Amino acid sequence: MKKKQNVHLHLLPIVKEENVSIPKEVARYLLDISKLIIGGAVITAALDIIPDKIVVIYISGTAATVIAVAAFITLLTTKKEKQ
């Protein structure tokens, strides 16, 4: 006969954010996309998938920089509007 095990459940309170700033979330999303682009370029260069590594690095670096600048501009304009 098996013994019953005592199971203790701890319920965590759900915290809801009331102030969700859409431009701030868009900026975070754009920064994540720029990091993924750079990561994809590094993996592509490391695995020798494309013979022109330098071209892939330059194109992805340029695209990631443009997206990151757009994210920072979105953040800065959001902060100015709130003040």
Protein backbone atom coordinates (compact mmCIF):
# COMPACT_ATOMS: atom_id res chain seq x y z
CA MET A 1 0.00 0.00 0.00
CA LYS A 2 1.39 3.41 -0.98
CA LYS A 3 1.63 6.28 1.42
CA LYS A 4 -0.05 9.50 0.46
CA GLN A 5 2.32 12.37 -0.11
CA ASN A 6 1.46 15.80 1.15
CA VAL A 7 1.48 18.30 -1.67
CA HIS A 8 1.70 21.98 -0.81
CA LEU A 9 0.58 24.42 -3.45
CA HIS A 10 1.72 27.99 -3.22
CA LEU A 11 -0.43 30.39 -5.18
CA LEU A 12 1.37 33.44 -6.49
CA PRO A 13 -0.50 36.68 -6.92
CA ILE A 14 -1.01 37.81 -10.50
CA VAL A 15 0.26 41.32 -11.01
CA LYS A 16 -1.25 43.18 -13.91
CA GLU A 17 0.45 46.16 -15.46
CA GLU A 18 -2.06 48.93 -15.82
CA ASN A 19 0.20 51.27 -17.77
CA VAL A 20 1.29 49.44 -20.90
CA SER A 21 3.15 51.78 -23.19
CA ILE A 22 2.86 50.52 -26.75
CA PRO A 23 5.77 52.60 -28.12
CA LYS A 24 7.99 51.27 -25.34
CA GLU A 25 7.03 47.69 -26.18
CA VAL A 26 7.66 48.36 -29.88
CA ALA A 27 11.11 49.71 -29.04
CA ARG A 28 11.92 46.60 -27.00
CA TYR A 29 10.68 44.41 -29.85
CA LEU A 30 12.87 46.26 -32.37
CA LEU A 31 15.93 45.88 -30.14
CA ASP A 32 15.26 42.15 -29.88
CA ILE A 33 14.97 41.90 -33.67
CA SER A 34 18.29 43.69 -34.12
CA LYS A 35 19.98 41.26 -31.72
CA LEU A 36 18.51 38.31 -33.59
CA ILE A 37 19.79 39.66 -36.91
CA ILE A 38 23.32 39.92 -35.55
CA GLY A 39 23.08 36.45 -34.03
CA GLY A 40 21.89 34.98 -37.31
CA ALA A 41 24.78 36.59 -39.18
CA VAL A 42 27.33 35.25 -36.71
CA ILE A 43 25.90 31.73 -36.91
CA THR A 44 25.80 31.92 -40.71
CA ALA A 45 29.43 33.03 -40.82
CA ALA A 46 30.52 30.39 -38.31
CA LEU A 47 28.85 27.50 -40.15
CA ASP A 48 30.19 28.54 -43.59
CA ILE A 49 26.69 28.51 -45.08
CA ILE A 50 27.50 31.43 -47.40
CA PRO A 51 30.98 31.85 -48.88
CA ASP A 52 30.98 35.67 -48.59
CA LYS A 53 31.17 36.10 -44.82
CA ILE A 54 32.17 39.75 -44.97
CA VAL A 55 29.15 40.73 -47.07
CA VAL A 56 26.76 38.95 -44.71
CA ILE A 57 28.32 40.63 -41.67
CA TYR A 58 28.15 44.09 -43.26
CA ILE A 59 24.56 43.74 -44.45
CA SER A 60 23.34 42.35 -41.13
CA GLY A 61 25.31 44.94 -39.16
CA THR A 62 23.79 47.74 -41.21
CA ALA A 63 20.26 46.34 -40.86
CA ALA A 64 20.68 45.81 -37.11
CA THR A 65 22.06 49.33 -36.66
CA VAL A 66 19.15 50.90 -38.55
CA ILE A 67 16.61 48.92 -36.52
CA ALA A 68 18.35 49.72 -33.22
CA VAL A 69 18.45 53.44 -34.06
CA ALA A 70 14.73 53.31 -34.87
CA ALA A 71 14.11 51.67 -31.49
CA PHE A 72 16.09 54.34 -29.63
CA ILE A 73 14.30 57.13 -31.50
CA THR A 74 10.99 55.53 -30.53
CA LEU A 75 12.07 55.44 -26.89
CA LEU A 76 13.27 59.05 -26.90
CA THR A 77 10.11 60.41 -28.52
CA THR A 78 7.98 58.44 -26.06
CA LYS A 79 9.81 59.95 -23.07
CA LYS A 80 9.51 63.49 -24.44
CA GLU A 81 5.76 63.13 -24.98
CA LYS A 82 5.17 61.95 -21.40
CA GLN A 83 7.03 64.89 -19.85
